[in-house]
């Protein structure tokens, strides 16, 4: 619990080939998942891992996880990779939104190690805040013939479960492409559109960059930094700069 709020974390996991890898991932496909179990703050009430990709292959990899190694409350779910992280987040949210006040939605190659209370403070100060993302962009984004005016450019964030419930009751949902043959273009489409219906209905969406720094892993070496460079870093890309067990 954080500042009186029950918090869940939904981590979207992927065990396949990646463009940007932490060197440890090459040795252990469970590296990112284990990093979340090791570093996510203990104040988070429960962690849910949604593993997308080929289900049978994922289950075989997950057989190698020794759950007794981690003193955490967590659950692992699997689904085929239709639509990437965004359909995975939605899949879990629809199971748990009634059980928690807020839910962190995060990719497995990013981590929150501390300062989680700073995220919760936004929702205490603004109870009508629907989604708080790592970085919002107002630049137009083209999806085929469609222009998206504003989207979560770094989509890791926190969702208000009470407002998610309210929206569901009004038949407002994540706007997603569930194509079975998902590729990078569909992933980018879902990133640009998953909050679109809430935005159109004037649900409040904002990012953390006025107060805090938002580092982005642009490749395996270079990390770009957005937002307030003097502010704390809350969402960290899992790179050797931020996650190196020899120094942490």
Protein backbone atom coordinates (compact mmCIF):
# COMPACT_ATOMS: atom_id res chain seq x y z
CA UNK A 1 0.00 0.00 0.00
CA UNK A 2 1.22 3.49 -0.89
CA UNK A 3 -0.25 6.58 0.79
CA UNK A 4 -3.39 4.62 1.62
CA UNK A 5 -3.85 3.30 -1.93
CA UNK A 6 -3.85 -0.39 -2.87
CA UNK A 7 -1.43 -0.74 -5.79
CA UNK A 8 -1.02 -3.47 -8.39
CA UNK A 9 1.67 -3.64 -11.05
CA UNK A 10 1.08 -5.28 -14.43
CA UNK A 11 4.34 -6.04 -16.22
CA UNK A 12 4.18 -7.01 -19.89
CA UNK A 13 6.82 -9.69 -20.50
CA UNK A 14 8.29 -10.98 -23.71
CA UNK A 15 10.83 -13.79 -24.07
CA UNK A 16 11.60 -13.47 -27.76
CA UNK A 17 14.23 -11.65 -29.76
CA UNK A 18 14.66 -7.94 -28.96
CA UNK A 19 16.35 -5.02 -30.65
CA UNK A 20 17.71 -3.70 -27.35
CA UNK A 21 18.86 -6.19 -24.73
CA UNK A 22 20.51 -5.97 -21.37
CA UNK A 23 23.48 -8.34 -21.73
CA UNK A 24 22.07 -10.55 -18.97
CA UNK A 25 18.95 -11.25 -21.07
CA UNK A 26 21.08 -13.06 -23.60
CA UNK A 27 21.99 -15.57 -20.89
CA UNK A 28 18.63 -15.78 -19.16
CA UNK A 29 15.27 -15.01 -20.86
CA UNK A 30 13.76 -14.57 -17.37
CA UNK A 31 16.18 -11.75 -16.56
CA UNK A 32 13.66 -8.91 -16.92
CA UNK A 33 10.96 -10.73 -14.98
CA UNK A 34 13.41 -11.54 -12.17
CA UNK A 35 14.58 -7.92 -12.13
CA UNK A 36 11.02 -6.80 -11.45
CA UNK A 37 10.68 -9.28 -8.62
CA UNK A 38 13.95 -8.11 -7.15
CA UNK A 39 13.64 -4.33 -7.49
CA UNK A 40 9.97 -3.31 -7.57
CA UNK A 41 9.15 -1.62 -4.26
CA UNK A 42 7.69 -3.88 -1.58
CA UNK A 43 4.93 -1.30 -1.09
CA UNK A 44 3.32 -2.59 -4.30
CA UNK A 45 0.65 -5.01 -3.11
CA UNK A 46 0.82 -7.50 -5.98
CA UNK A 47 2.70 -7.93 -9.25
CA UNK A 48 1.08 -9.51 -12.30
CA UNK A 49 3.24 -10.65 -15.18
CA UNK A 50 1.48 -11.05 -18.51
CA UNK A 51 3.74 -13.03 -20.83
CA UNK A 52 2.87 -12.57 -24.49
CA UNK A 53 4.14 -14.70 -27.33
CA UNK A 54 3.90 -18.42 -28.05
CA UNK A 55 2.17 -19.76 -24.94
CA UNK A 56 3.75 -23.21 -24.90
CA UNK A 57 7.22 -21.78 -25.43
CA UNK A 58 6.63 -19.28 -22.62
CA UNK A 59 5.44 -21.97 -20.23
CA UNK A 60 8.57 -23.97 -20.90
CA UNK A 61 10.74 -20.93 -20.08
CA UNK A 62 8.69 -20.17 -16.98
CA UNK A 63 9.26 -23.70 -15.70
CA UNK A 64 12.81 -22.53 -14.94
CA UNK A 65 11.62 -19.86 -12.48
CA UNK A 66 12.18 -20.77 -8.84
CA UNK A 67 9.34 -18.87 -7.18
CA UNK A 68 10.66 -19.63 -3.70
CA UNK A 69 13.63 -17.41 -4.49
CA UNK A 70 11.43 -14.31 -4.22
CA UNK A 71 9.47 -13.21 -1.18
CA UNK A 72 6.85 -11.38 -3.25
CA UNK A 73 3.14 -11.60 -3.95
CA UNK A 74 2.94 -12.21 -7.69
CA UNK A 75 1.04 -14.06 -10.39
CA UNK A 76 2.06 -15.04 -13.91
CA UNK A 77 -0.40 -15.17 -16.80
CA UNK A 78 0.21 -15.99 -20.46
CA UNK A 79 -1.52 -15.13 -23.71
CA UNK A 80 -0.74 -15.23 -27.40
CA UNK A 81 0.95 -12.09 -28.69
CA UNK A 82 -2.02 -10.37 -30.30
CA UNK A 83 -1.37 -6.64 -30.07
CA UNK A 84 1.68 -6.62 -27.82
CA UNK A 85 1.92 -5.16 -24.33
CA UNK A 86 -1.28 -3.14 -24.66
CA UNK A 87 -3.61 -6.10 -25.11
CA UNK A 88 -1.70 -7.80 -22.30
CA UNK A 89 -2.23 -4.87 -19.95
CA UNK A 90 -5.92 -4.79 -20.83
CA UNK A 91 -6.24 -8.56 -20.35
CA UNK A 92 -4.98 -8.34 -16.77
CA UNK A 93 -6.70 -5.05 -15.93
CA UNK A 94 -10.06 -6.58 -16.78
CA UNK A 95 -9.40 -9.28 -14.20
CA UNK A 96 -8.13 -7.10 -11.34
CA UNK A 97 -9.45 -3.53 -11.62
CA UNK A 98 -11.99 -4.03 -8.84
CA UNK A 99 -9.33 -5.24 -6.38
CA UNK A 100 -6.96 -2.24 -6.35
CA UNK A 101 -7.12 1.55 -6.36
CA UNK A 102 -4.33 2.09 -8.90
CA UNK A 103 -2.46 -0.12 -11.33
CA UNK A 104 1.02 0.46 -12.69
CA UNK A 105 1.30 -0.59 -16.35
CA UNK A 106 4.88 -1.17 -17.39
CA UNK A 107 7.04 -2.87 -19.99
CA UNK A 108 9.40 -5.50 -18.65
CA UNK A 109 12.49 -3.59 -19.80
CA UNK A 110 11.62 -0.66 -17.50
CA UNK A 111 11.54 -0.71 -13.71
CA UNK A 112 10.46 1.39 -10.73
CA UNK A 113 12.98 1.00 -7.91
CA UNK A 114 11.77 3.81 -5.64
CA UNK A 115 9.76 7.06 -5.54
CA UNK A 116 6.48 5.21 -6.18
CA UNK A 117 4.77 7.53 -3.70
CA UNK A 118 5.47 10.44 -6.07
CA UNK A 119 3.23 8.77 -8.66
CA UNK A 120 0.43 8.20 -6.16
CA UNK A 121 0.58 11.84 -5.07
CA UNK A 122 -0.71 12.87 -8.51
CA UNK A 123 -3.91 10.87 -7.96
CA UNK A 124 -4.40 12.22 -4.45
CA UNK A 125 -4.00 15.79 -5.71
CA UNK A 126 -6.22 15.16 -8.76
CA UNK A 127 -8.81 12.41 -8.08
CA UNK A 128 -10.15 12.83 -11.63
CA UNK A 129 -6.78 11.85 -13.15
CA UNK A 130 -7.34 8.80 -15.35
CA UNK A 131 -3.85 7.94 -16.63
CA UNK A 132 -0.41 9.22 -15.69
CA UNK A 133 2.20 8.24 -18.26
CA UNK A 134 5.95 8.54 -18.42
CA UNK A 135 5.91 10.86 -21.46
CA UNK A 136 3.06 12.40 -23.43
CA UNK A 137 3.60 13.86 -26.89
CA UNK A 138 1.25 16.36 -28.54
CA UNK A 139 2.92 15.91 -31.92
CA UNK A 140 0.59 14.46 -34.59
CA UNK A 141 1.19 10.75 -35.19
CA UNK A 142 0.07 9.09 -38.42
CA UNK A 143 -1.49 5.61 -38.39
CA UNK A 144 -2.32 4.80 -42.01
CA UNK A 145 -4.79 7.51 -43.04
CA UNK A 146 -5.51 8.45 -39.43
CA UNK A 147 -3.79 11.28 -37.56
CA UNK A 148 -3.58 10.88 -33.78
CA UNK A 149 -3.35 14.24 -32.03
CA UNK A 150 -1.46 13.42 -28.85
CA UNK A 151 -0.45 10.04 -27.46
CA UNK A 152 1.64 8.36 -24.77
CA UNK A 153 5.07 8.46 -26.38
CA UNK A 154 6.50 6.45 -23.45
CA UNK A 155 3.44 4.59 -22.33
CA UNK A 156 4.52 3.16 -18.98
CA UNK A 157 2.25 4.69 -16.38
CA UNK A 158 -0.42 4.41 -13.70
CA UNK A 159 -4.15 4.00 -14.26
CA UNK A 160 -6.97 5.01 -11.93
CA UNK A 161 -8.95 1.78 -11.44
CA UNK A 162 -12.09 3.54 -10.22
CA UNK A 163 -12.24 5.62 -13.39
CA UNK A 164 -11.37 2.56 -15.49
CA UNK A 165 -14.44 0.87 -13.97
CA UNK A 166 -16.57 3.94 -14.64
CA UNK A 167 -15.42 4.04 -18.26
CA UNK A 168 -16.12 0.34 -18.79
CA UNK A 169 -19.67 0.89 -17.58
CA UNK A 170 -19.97 3.59 -20.26
CA UNK A 171 -18.58 1.17 -22.87
CA UNK A 172 -15.28 3.06 -23.15
CA UNK A 173 -12.27 0.77 -23.53
CA UNK A 174 -8.69 0.64 -24.73
CA UNK A 175 -8.70 1.23 -28.48
CA UNK A 176 -6.59 -1.65 -29.79
CA UNK A 177 -5.78 -3.72 -32.84
CA UNK A 178 -6.00 -7.41 -31.87
CA UNK A 179 -4.55 -8.77 -35.11
CA UNK A 180 -3.27 -12.31 -34.69
CA UNK A 181 -0.23 -11.65 -36.85
CA UNK A 182 0.99 -8.73 -34.77
CA UNK A 183 4.11 -6.92 -35.90
CA UNK A 184 5.92 -3.74 -34.93
CA UNK A 185 3.52 -1.56 -36.90
CA UNK A 186 0.58 -2.91 -34.93
CA UNK A 187 2.49 -2.42 -31.66
CA UNK A 188 3.14 1.22 -32.61
CA UNK A 189 -0.50 1.62 -33.59
CA UNK A 190 -1.67 0.32 -30.23
CA UNK A 191 0.75 2.59 -28.41
CA UNK A 192 -0.71 5.59 -30.23
CA UNK A 193 -4.38 4.62 -29.87
CA UNK A 194 -4.87 2.71 -26.61
CA UNK A 195 -5.91 5.85 -24.71
CA UNK A 196 -7.68 7.49 -27.64
CA UNK A 197 -11.28 6.80 -26.59
CA UNK A 198 -10.65 8.13 -23.07
CA UNK A 199 -9.01 11.23 -24.49
CA UNK A 200 -12.00 11.85 -26.76
CA UNK A 201 -14.32 11.59 -23.74
CA UNK A 202 -12.20 14.16 -21.86
CA UNK A 203 -10.74 11.83 -19.27
CA UNK A 204 -7.69 13.52 -17.75
CA UNK A 205 -4.39 12.15 -19.02
CA UNK A 206 -1.01 13.68 -18.23
CA UNK A 207 2.64 12.78 -17.85
CA UNK A 208 5.30 13.24 -15.16
CA UNK A 209 7.75 15.39 -17.12
CA UNK A 210 7.00 18.77 -15.53
CA UNK A 211 8.34 17.50 -12.20
CA UNK A 212 10.42 14.45 -13.05
CA UNK A 213 12.89 13.03 -15.52
CA UNK A 214 11.80 10.37 -18.03
CA UNK A 215 14.74 8.38 -19.40
CA UNK A 216 14.11 6.40 -22.58
CA UNK A 217 16.21 3.51 -23.83
CA UNK A 218 16.67 4.51 -27.46
CA UNK A 219 19.14 1.70 -28.09
CA UNK A 220 21.27 -0.72 -26.09
CA UNK A 221 23.86 1.95 -25.29
CA UNK A 222 22.31 5.41 -25.44
CA UNK A 223 19.61 6.56 -23.00
CA UNK A 224 17.72 9.72 -23.95
CA UNK A 225 16.29 11.85 -21.15
CA UNK A 226 13.04 13.82 -21.37
CA UNK A 227 11.27 16.09 -18.94
CA UNK A 228 12.78 17.79 -15.93
CA UNK A 229 16.43 16.76 -15.89
CA UNK A 230 16.73 18.02 -12.30
CA UNK A 231 13.83 15.90 -11.12
CA UNK A 232 13.90 12.38 -9.74
CA UNK A 233 13.86 9.46 -12.14
CA UNK A 234 10.96 7.11 -11.40
CA UNK A 235 10.63 4.85 -14.44
CA UNK A 236 14.07 3.51 -15.29
CA UNK A 237 15.06 1.62 -18.44
CA UNK A 238 16.70 -1.66 -17.47
CA UNK A 239 20.14 -0.95 -18.84
CA UNK A 240 23.56 -1.45 -17.30
CA UNK A 241 23.50 2.21 -16.29
CA UNK A 242 20.57 1.65 -13.92
CA UNK A 243 20.60 -2.12 -13.27
CA UNK A 244 23.98 -3.60 -12.59
CA UNK A 245 24.02 -6.12 -9.77
CA UNK A 246 27.66 -5.41 -9.07
CA UNK A 247 26.66 -1.89 -8.05
CA UNK A 248 23.09 -2.28 -6.79
